[in-house]
C-alpha atoms as a PDB file:
ATOM      1  CA  MET A   1       9.937  -2.980 -13.378  1.00  0.00           C
ATOM      2  CA  PHE A   2       6.224  -2.803 -12.645  1.00  0.00           C
ATOM      3  CA  ILE A   3       5.564  -6.458 -13.696  1.00  0.00           C
ATOM      4  CA  GLU A   4       8.671  -7.637 -11.867  1.00  0.00           C
ATOM      5  CA  LEU A   5       7.618  -5.924  -8.639  1.00  0.00           C
ATOM      6  CA  ALA A   6       4.001  -7.192  -8.989  1.00  0.00           C
ATOM      7  CA  VAL A   7       5.161 -10.795  -9.383  1.00  0.00           C
ATOM      8  CA  ILE A   8       7.454 -10.417  -6.389  1.00  0.00           C
ATOM      9  CA  GLY A   9       4.501  -8.970  -4.468  1.00  0.00           C
ATOM     10  CA  ILE A  10       2.179 -11.851  -5.246  1.00  0.00           C
ATOM     11  CA  PHE A  11       4.871 -14.387  -4.349  1.00  0.00           C
ATOM     12  CA  THR A  12       5.682 -12.587  -1.134  1.00  0.00           C
ATOM     13  CA  GLY A  13       2.003 -12.508  -0.218  1.00  0.00           C
ATOM     14  CA  VAL A  14       1.742 -16.319  -0.655  1.00  0.00           C
ATOM     15  CA  ILE A  15       4.705 -16.682   1.702  1.00  0.00           C
ATOM     16  CA  SER A  16       3.146 -14.294   4.175  1.00  0.00           C
ATOM     17  CA  GLY A  17      -0.181 -16.063   4.281  1.00  0.00           C
ATOM     18  CA  PHE A  18       1.141 -19.589   4.344  1.00  0.00           C
ATOM     19  CA  PHE A  19       3.953 -19.195   6.860  1.00  0.00           C
ATOM     20  CA  GLY A  20       2.437 -16.364   8.944  1.00  0.00           C
ATOM     21  CA  VAL A  21       5.332 -14.014   8.313  1.00  0.00           C
ATOM     22  CA  GLY A  22       5.274 -10.426   7.259  1.00  0.00           C
ATOM     23  CA  GLY A  23       7.109 -11.290   4.070  1.00  0.00           C
ATOM     24  CA  GLY A  24      10.271  -9.318   4.733  1.00  0.00           C
ATOM     25  CA  THR A  25      12.252 -12.545   5.271  1.00  0.00           C
ATOM     26  CA  ILE A  26      11.922 -13.316   1.595  1.00  0.00           C
ATOM     27  CA  LEU A  27      11.199  -9.830   0.189  1.00  0.00           C
ATOM     28  CA  VAL A  28      14.303  -8.083   1.385  1.00  0.00           C
ATOM     29  CA  PRO A  29      16.721 -10.624  -0.224  1.00  0.00           C
ATOM     30  CA  LEU A  30      14.664 -10.560  -3.473  1.00  0.00           C
ATOM     31  CA  LEU A  31      14.761  -6.782  -3.629  1.00  0.00           C
ATOM     32  CA  MET A  32      18.512  -6.870  -2.986  1.00  0.00           C
ATOM     33  CA  TYR A  33      18.979  -9.342  -5.786  1.00  0.00           C
ATOM     34  CA  ILE A  34      17.278  -6.991  -8.294  1.00  0.00           C
ATOM     35  CA  GLY A  35      19.628  -4.234  -7.306  1.00  0.00           C
ATOM     36  CA  ILE A  36      17.874  -2.371  -4.495  1.00  0.00           C
ATOM     37  CA  ASP A  37      19.984  -1.367  -1.505  1.00  0.00           C
ATOM     38  CA  ILE A  38      19.093  -3.114   1.738  1.00  0.00           C
ATOM     39  CA  LYS A  39      18.019   0.103   3.483  1.00  0.00           C
ATOM     40  CA  GLU A  40      15.500   0.910   0.700  1.00  0.00           C
ATOM     41  CA  ALA A  41      14.511  -2.761   0.572  1.00  0.00           C
ATOM     42  CA  ILE A  42      13.747  -2.691   4.276  1.00  0.00           C
ATOM     43  CA  GLY A  43      11.485   0.348   3.857  1.00  0.00           C
ATOM     44  CA  ILE A  44       9.610  -1.301   1.005  1.00  0.00           C
ATOM     45  CA  SER A  45       9.331  -4.475   2.972  1.00  0.00           C
ATOM     46  CA  ILE A  46       7.788  -2.669   5.974  1.00  0.00           C
ATOM     47  CA  MET A  47       5.174  -1.112   3.700  1.00  0.00           C
ATOM     48  CA  GLN A  48       4.313  -4.494   2.153  1.00  0.00           C
ATOM     49  CA  MET A  49       3.914  -6.020   5.633  1.00  0.00           C
ATOM     50  CA  VAL A  50       1.201  -3.481   6.478  1.00  0.00           C
ATOM     51  CA  PHE A  51      -0.907  -4.773   3.612  1.00  0.00           C
ATOM     52  CA  SER A  52      -0.323  -8.484   4.165  1.00  0.00           C
ATOM     53  CA  SER A  53      -0.684  -8.491   7.976  1.00  0.00           C
ATOM     54  CA  TYR A  54      -4.042  -6.722   8.113  1.00  0.00           C
ATOM     55  CA  LEU A  55      -5.641  -8.832   5.461  1.00  0.00           C
ATOM     56  CA  GLY A  56      -4.012 -12.054   6.703  1.00  0.00           C
ATOM     57  CA  SER A  57      -5.049 -11.527  10.284  1.00  0.00           C
ATOM     58  CA  TYR A  58      -8.612 -10.815   9.259  1.00  0.00           C
ATOM     59  CA  LEU A  59      -8.747 -14.040   7.224  1.00  0.00           C
ATOM     60  CA  ASN A  60      -7.174 -16.080  10.060  1.00  0.00           C
ATOM     61  CA  PHE A  61      -9.680 -14.613  12.545  1.00  0.00           C
ATOM     62  CA  LYS A  62     -12.585 -15.545  10.240  1.00  0.00           C
ATOM     63  CA  LYS A  63     -11.216 -19.120   9.981  1.00  0.00           C
ATOM     64  CA  GLY A  64     -10.867 -19.367  13.777  1.00  0.00           C
ATOM     65  CA  SER A  65      -7.106 -19.885  13.960  1.00  0.00           C
ATOM     66  CA  LEU A  66      -6.445 -16.452  15.525  1.00  0.00           C
ATOM     67  CA  GLN A  67      -7.500 -16.045  19.148  1.00  0.00           C
ATOM     68  CA  VAL A  68      -6.289 -12.633  20.236  1.00  0.00           C
ATOM     69  CA  GLY A  69      -6.640 -12.666  24.085  1.00  0.00           C
ATOM     70  CA  SER A  70      -3.388 -11.911  25.873  1.00  0.00           C
ATOM     71  CA  LEU A  71      -1.515 -11.883  22.575  1.00  0.00           C
ATOM     72  CA  ILE A  72      -2.535  -8.293  22.243  1.00  0.00           C
ATOM     73  CA  TYR A  73       0.192  -7.403  24.742  1.00  0.00           C
ATOM     74  CA  ILE A  74       2.859  -8.800  22.433  1.00  0.00           C
ATOM     75  CA  GLY A  75       1.421  -6.472  19.838  1.00  0.00           C
ATOM     76  CA  TYR A  76       1.596  -3.488  22.162  1.00  0.00           C
ATOM     77  CA  GLY A  77       5.200  -4.303  22.948  1.00  0.00           C
ATOM     78  CA  GLY A  78       6.000  -4.719  19.246  1.00  0.00           C
ATOM     79  CA  LEU A  79       4.406  -1.352  18.507  1.00  0.00           C
ATOM     80  CA  LEU A  80       6.653   0.347  21.071  1.00  0.00           C
ATOM     81  CA  GLY A  81       9.809  -1.434  20.032  1.00  0.00           C
ATOM     82  CA  ALA A  82       9.356  -0.924  16.301  1.00  0.00           C
ATOM     83  CA  LEU A  83       9.054   2.837  16.772  1.00  0.00           C
ATOM     84  CA  GLY A  84      12.841   2.881  17.292  1.00  0.00           C
ATOM     85  CA  SER A  85      13.666   0.961  14.134  1.00  0.00           C
ATOM     86  CA  GLY A  86      14.150   3.990  11.925  1.00  0.00           C
ATOM     87  CA  TYR A  87      16.854   5.246  14.232  1.00  0.00           C
ATOM     88  CA  VAL A  88      18.631   1.919  14.139  1.00  0.00           C
ATOM     89  CA  VAL A  89      18.602   1.699  10.342  1.00  0.00           C
ATOM     90  CA  GLU A  90      19.809   5.294  10.049  1.00  0.00           C
ATOM     91  CA  ASN A  91      22.849   4.642  12.248  1.00  0.00           C
ATOM     92  CA  LEU A  92      23.970   1.129  11.214  1.00  0.00           C
ATOM     93  CA  SER A  93      25.738   0.179   7.943  1.00  0.00           C
ATOM     94  CA  SER A  94      24.113  -2.085   5.334  1.00  0.00           C
ATOM     95  CA  GLN A  95      26.650  -4.842   6.115  1.00  0.00           C
ATOM     96  CA  VAL A  96      25.825  -4.761   9.852  1.00  0.00           C
ATOM     97  CA  LEU A  97      22.084  -4.903   9.089  1.00  0.00           C
ATOM     98  CA  THR A  98      22.632  -7.828   6.758  1.00  0.00           C
ATOM     99  CA  ILE A  99      24.559  -9.753   9.464  1.00  0.00           C
ATOM    100  CA  ILE A 100      21.837  -9.020  12.018  1.00  0.00           C
ATOM    101  CA  PHE A 101      19.241 -10.293   9.551  1.00  0.00           C
ATOM    102  CA  MET A 102      21.313 -13.543   9.122  1.00  0.00           C
ATOM    103  CA  MET A 103      21.561 -14.050  12.865  1.00  0.00           C
ATOM    104  CA  VAL A 104      17.764 -13.687  13.206  1.00  0.00           C
ATOM    105  CA  VAL A 105      17.239 -16.425  10.625  1.00  0.00           C
ATOM    106  CA  ILE A 106      19.745 -18.720  12.256  1.00  0.00           C
ATOM    107  CA  TYR A 107      18.004 -18.351  15.607  1.00  0.00           C
ATOM    108  CA  ALA A 108      14.645 -19.098  14.017  1.00  0.00           C
ATOM    109  CA  ILE A 109      15.985 -22.298  12.423  1.00  0.00           C
ATOM    110  CA  TYR A 110      17.447 -23.438  15.755  1.00  0.00           C
ATOM    111  CA  ARG A 111      14.279 -22.851  17.707  1.00  0.00           C
ATOM    112  CA  PHE A 112      12.065 -24.405  15.175  1.00  0.00           C
ATOM    113  CA  PHE A 113      14.195 -27.489  14.659  1.00  0.00           C
ATOM    114  CA  HIS A 114      13.914 -28.396  18.347  1.00  0.00           C
ATOM    115  CA  ALA A 115      10.235 -27.508  18.750  1.00  0.00           C
ATOM    116  CA  PRO A 116       7.318 -29.959  18.427  1.00  0.00           C
ATOM    117  CA  HIS A 117       4.551 -29.074  15.905  1.00  0.00           C
ATOM    118  CA  GLU A 118       1.955 -29.947  18.490  1.00  0.00           C
ATOM    119  CA  SER A 119       2.639 -29.556  22.253  1.00  0.00           C
ATOM    120  CA  ASP A 120       0.712 -31.606  24.852  1.00  0.00           C
ATOM    121  CA  LYS A 121       1.196 -28.744  27.379  1.00  0.00           C
ATOM    122  CA  MET A 122      -1.087 -25.807  28.013  1.00  0.00           C
ATOM    123  CA  PRO A 123       0.083 -22.594  26.306  1.00  0.00           C
ATOM    124  CA  ILE A 124       1.796 -20.146  28.629  1.00  0.00           C
ATOM    125  CA  GLU A 125       0.053 -16.776  28.704  1.00  0.00           C
ATOM    126  CA  ASN A 126       1.565 -13.977  30.736  1.00  0.00           C
ATOM    127  CA  LYS A 127       0.841 -10.328  29.832  1.00  0.00           C
ATOM    128  CA  GLY A 128       4.128  -9.016  31.280  1.00  0.00           C
ATOM    129  CA  ILE A 129       6.273 -11.598  29.488  1.00  0.00           C
ATOM    130  CA  PHE A 130       4.327 -11.023  26.287  1.00  0.00           C
ATOM    131  CA  PHE A 131       4.928  -7.239  26.470  1.00  0.00           C
ATOM    132  CA  ILE A 132       8.659  -7.609  26.959  1.00  0.00           C
ATOM    133  CA  ILE A 133       8.961 -10.184  24.175  1.00  0.00           C
ATOM    134  CA  GLY A 134       7.023  -7.751  21.914  1.00  0.00           C
ATOM    135  CA  ILE A 135       9.414  -4.824  22.620  1.00  0.00           C
ATOM    136  CA  VAL A 136      12.541  -6.814  21.848  1.00  0.00           C
ATOM    137  CA  ILE A 137      11.166  -8.440  18.735  1.00  0.00           C
ATOM    138  CA  GLY A 138       9.616  -5.213  17.466  1.00  0.00           C
ATOM    139  CA  LEU A 139      12.891  -3.245  17.659  1.00  0.00           C
ATOM    140  CA  LEU A 140      15.048  -6.001  16.161  1.00  0.00           C
ATOM    141  CA  ALA A 141      12.597  -7.150  13.457  1.00  0.00           C
ATOM    142  CA  ALA A 142      11.545  -3.716  12.049  1.00  0.00           C
ATOM    143  CA  SER A 143      15.215  -2.706  11.999  1.00  0.00           C
ATOM    144  CA  VAL A 144      16.040  -5.467   9.508  1.00  0.00           C
ATOM    145  CA  GLY A 145      12.840  -5.290   7.485  1.00  0.00           C
ATOM    146  CA  VAL A 146      10.926  -8.264   8.821  1.00  0.00           C
ATOM    147  CA  GLY A 147       7.678  -8.304  10.722  1.00  0.00           C
ATOM    148  CA  GLY A 148       8.929 -10.275  13.705  1.00  0.00           C
ATOM    149  CA  SER A 149       6.979 -13.467  13.322  1.00  0.00           C
ATOM    150  CA  ILE A 150      10.102 -15.327  12.150  1.00  0.00           C
ATOM    151  CA  ILE A 151      11.296 -14.859  15.711  1.00  0.00           C
ATOM    152  CA  LEU A 152       7.929 -14.932  17.504  1.00  0.00           C
ATOM    153  CA  THR A 153       6.532 -18.092  15.950  1.00  0.00           C
ATOM    154  CA  PRO A 154       9.473 -20.289  17.126  1.00  0.00           C
ATOM    155  CA  ILE A 155       9.174 -18.759  20.605  1.00  0.00           C
ATOM    156  CA  LEU A 156       5.444 -19.462  20.770  1.00  0.00           C
ATOM    157  CA  VAL A 157       5.957 -23.053  19.577  1.00  0.00           C
ATOM    158  CA  GLY A 158       9.253 -23.916  21.205  1.00  0.00           C
ATOM    159  CA  MET A 159       8.979 -22.083  24.517  1.00  0.00           C
ATOM    160  CA  LEU A 160       5.357 -21.201  25.187  1.00  0.00           C
ATOM    161  CA  HIS A 161       3.805 -24.499  23.908  1.00  0.00           C
ATOM    162  CA  TYR A 162       1.525 -23.024  21.214  1.00  0.00           C
ATOM    163  CA  HIS A 163       0.130 -25.213  18.422  1.00  0.00           C
ATOM    164  CA  ILE A 164       1.877 -24.499  15.097  1.00  0.00           C
ATOM    165  CA  LYS A 165      -1.369 -23.259  13.429  1.00  0.00           C
ATOM    166  CA  SER A 166      -2.130 -20.882  16.293  1.00  0.00           C
ATOM    167  CA  ALA A 167       1.516 -19.649  16.435  1.00  0.00           C
ATOM    168  CA  VAL A 168       1.506 -18.953  12.704  1.00  0.00           C
ATOM    169  CA  ALA A 169      -1.724 -16.903  12.960  1.00  0.00           C
ATOM    170  CA  ALA A 170      -0.385 -15.055  16.039  1.00  0.00           C
ATOM    171  CA  GLY A 171       2.849 -14.298  14.269  1.00  0.00           C
ATOM    172  CA  LEU A 172       1.066 -12.575  11.404  1.00  0.00           C
ATOM    173  CA  PHE A 173      -1.154 -10.704  13.898  1.00  0.00           C
ATOM    174  CA  PHE A 174       2.008  -9.402  15.610  1.00  0.00           C
ATOM    175  CA  VAL A 175       3.202  -8.014  12.245  1.00  0.00           C
ATOM    176  CA  ILE A 176       0.207  -5.573  12.263  1.00  0.00           C
ATOM    177  CA  PHE A 177       1.757  -3.775  15.207  1.00  0.00           C
ATOM    178  CA  SER A 178       5.443  -3.950  14.251  1.00  0.00           C
ATOM    179  CA  SER A 179       4.850  -2.979  10.635  1.00  0.00           C
ATOM    180  CA  THR A 180       2.582  -0.094  11.451  1.00  0.00           C
ATOM    181  CA  ALA A 181       5.070   1.373  13.928  1.00  0.00           C
ATOM    182  CA  GLY A 182       7.939   0.536  11.574  1.00  0.00           C
ATOM    183  CA  LEU A 183       6.195   2.397   8.718  1.00  0.00           C
ATOM    184  CA  ILE A 184       5.890   5.461  10.874  1.00  0.00           C
ATOM    185  CA  SER A 185       9.491   5.304  12.028  1.00  0.00           C
ATOM    186  CA  HIS A 186      10.939   4.705   8.594  1.00  0.00           C
ATOM    187  CA  THR A 187       8.790   7.430   7.100  1.00  0.00           C
ATOM    188  CA  LEU A 188      10.275   9.967   9.523  1.00  0.00           C
ATOM    189  CA  TYR A 189      13.761   8.990   8.385  1.00  0.00           C
ATOM    190  CA  GLY A 190      12.793   8.978   4.676  1.00  0.00           C
ATOM    191  CA  ASN A 191      13.667   5.318   4.091  1.00  0.00           C
ATOM    192  CA  ILE A 192      10.581   4.322   2.052  1.00  0.00           C
ATOM    193  CA  ASN A 193      10.019   4.172  -1.695  1.00  0.00           C
ATOM    194  CA  TYR A 194       6.278   4.572  -1.753  1.00  0.00           C
ATOM    195  CA  GLU A 195       5.891   3.783  -5.481  1.00  0.00           C
ATOM    196  CA  TYR A 196       7.571   0.363  -5.207  1.00  0.00           C
ATOM    197  CA  GLY A 197       5.938  -0.281  -1.816  1.00  0.00           C
ATOM    198  CA  LEU A 198       2.455   0.296  -3.139  1.00  0.00           C
ATOM    199  CA  ILE A 199       2.969  -1.942  -6.177  1.00  0.00           C
ATOM    200  CA  ILE A 200       4.314  -4.843  -4.051  1.00  0.00           C
ATOM    201  CA  GLY A 201       1.847  -4.246  -1.220  1.00  0.00           C
ATOM    202  CA  ILE A 202      -1.291  -4.300  -3.358  1.00  0.00           C
ATOM    203  CA  ALA A 203      -0.021  -7.260  -5.382  1.00  0.00           C
ATOM    204  CA  SER A 204       0.684  -9.144  -2.171  1.00  0.00           C
ATOM    205  CA  LEU A 205      -2.971  -9.120  -1.134  1.00  0.00           C
ATOM    206  CA  LEU A 206      -3.808 -11.743  -3.766  1.00  0.00           C
ATOM    207  CA  GLY A 207      -0.906 -13.875  -2.564  1.00  0.00           C
ATOM    208  CA  VAL A 208      -1.989 -13.646   1.133  1.00  0.00           C
ATOM    209  CA  PHE A 209      -5.424 -14.928   0.274  1.00  0.00           C
ATOM    210  CA  LEU A 210      -3.965 -17.938  -1.595  1.00  0.00           C
ATOM    211  CA  GLY A 211      -1.346 -18.588   1.082  1.00  0.00           C
ATOM    212  CA  ILE A 212      -3.821 -18.717   4.003  1.00  0.00           C
ATOM    213  CA  HIS A 213      -6.111 -21.010   2.022  1.00  0.00           C
ATOM    214  CA  LEU A 214      -3.235 -23.433   1.497  1.00  0.00           C
ATOM    215  CA  ALA A 215      -2.017 -23.145   5.101  1.00  0.00           C
ATOM    216  CA  HIS A 216      -5.370 -24.330   6.515  1.00  0.00           C
ATOM    217  CA  LYS A 217      -5.270 -27.377   4.259  1.00  0.00           C
ATOM    218  CA  THR A 218      -1.751 -28.419   5.245  1.00  0.00           C
ATOM    219  CA  ASP A 219      -0.879 -31.031   7.875  1.00  0.00           C
ATOM    220  CA  PRO A 220       0.775 -29.402  10.991  1.00  0.00           C
ATOM    221  CA  LYS A 221       3.921 -31.496  10.788  1.00  0.00           C
ATOM    222  CA  ARG A 222       4.375 -30.800   7.119  1.00  0.00           C
ATOM    223  CA  HIS A 223       3.671 -27.102   7.782  1.00  0.00           C
ATOM    224  CA  LYS A 224       6.488 -26.961  10.353  1.00  0.00           C
ATOM    225  CA  ASN A 225       8.925 -28.721   8.032  1.00  0.00           C
ATOM    226  CA  LEU A 226       8.102 -26.331   5.178  1.00  0.00           C
ATOM    227  CA  ILE A 227       8.763 -23.352   7.522  1.00  0.00           C
ATOM    228  CA  LEU A 228      12.201 -24.843   8.251  1.00  0.00           C
ATOM    229  CA  ILE A 229      12.911 -25.249   4.553  1.00  0.00           C
ATOM    230  CA  LEU A 230      11.910 -21.649   3.934  1.00  0.00           C
ATOM    231  CA  ASN A 231      14.303 -20.454   6.637  1.00  0.00           C
ATOM    232  CA  PHE A 232      17.216 -22.484   5.179  1.00  0.00           C
ATOM    233  CA  ILE A 233      16.567 -20.992   1.701  1.00  0.00           C
ATOM    234  CA  ILE A 234      16.539 -17.495   3.148  1.00  0.00           C
ATOM    235  CA  LEU A 235      19.784 -18.175   5.097  1.00  0.00           C
ATOM    236  CA  GLY A 236      21.417 -19.403   1.918  1.00  0.00           C
ATOM    237  CA  LEU A 237      20.410 -16.213   0.055  1.00  0.00           C
ATOM    238  CA  ILE A 238      21.749 -13.965   2.796  1.00  0.00           C
ATOM    239  CA  ILE A 239      25.119 -15.840   3.063  1.00  0.00           C
ATOM    240  CA  ASN A 240      25.541 -15.711  -0.684  1.00  0.00           C
ATOM    241  CA  LYS A 241      24.832 -11.972  -0.659  1.00  0.00           C
ATOM    242  CA  LEU A 242      27.425 -11.392   2.052  1.00  0.00           C
ATOM    243  CA  ILE A 243      30.061 -13.418   0.149  1.00  0.00           C
ATOM    244  CA  LEU A 244      29.402 -11.709  -3.152  1.00  0.00           C
ATOM    245  CA  GLY A 245      29.041  -8.279  -1.523  1.00  0.00           C
END
């Protein structure tokens, strides 16, 4: 199991770094497919996201693609919202959580499909709007084991006119707040397998480094198309899991 989890961790880290996601969007379905219940998979995913988001955001900041500024208020909102995620997981069934997860992915696909990879408009930056967005995304995302960037990145690109590279970096930065709060919340409810979480989290660090390196060498249009492909793959895995039970 150790080697299997380490390989999953590295792969998830590459996904995290390249697409600016926490990794839960791919990690939760993978863990479910090797026989781990979705509630335990969500806890492991939250722990992995702590590792990937901190390293990934540091690397993006060093490369100049992460400009914090007003984005910090999305993070504050995400921190507050994600604190309630443990309660949500504790009180909803695995099937309901899986359906919520599927709806999140469908929304991300819809927003990204209609969004340009490079907007000719100035990015919208409003601290109040950012804070509210953060609360909603933090609560929803941490409850289904994702960092929130799968929702935030399409919003930044499709509604707030962010460049795809900046949005991807901002999405991973947001995961720092949502995953940290989610870790605290899920710990209080006993939803985390620390042994598996540490194996996957540490292994993911190598993948994050490789993923970010590849992301900065990828054309913006191709980057956006690859994000769409990833979301369709994830959606297929979730639908298959719901059908097969």
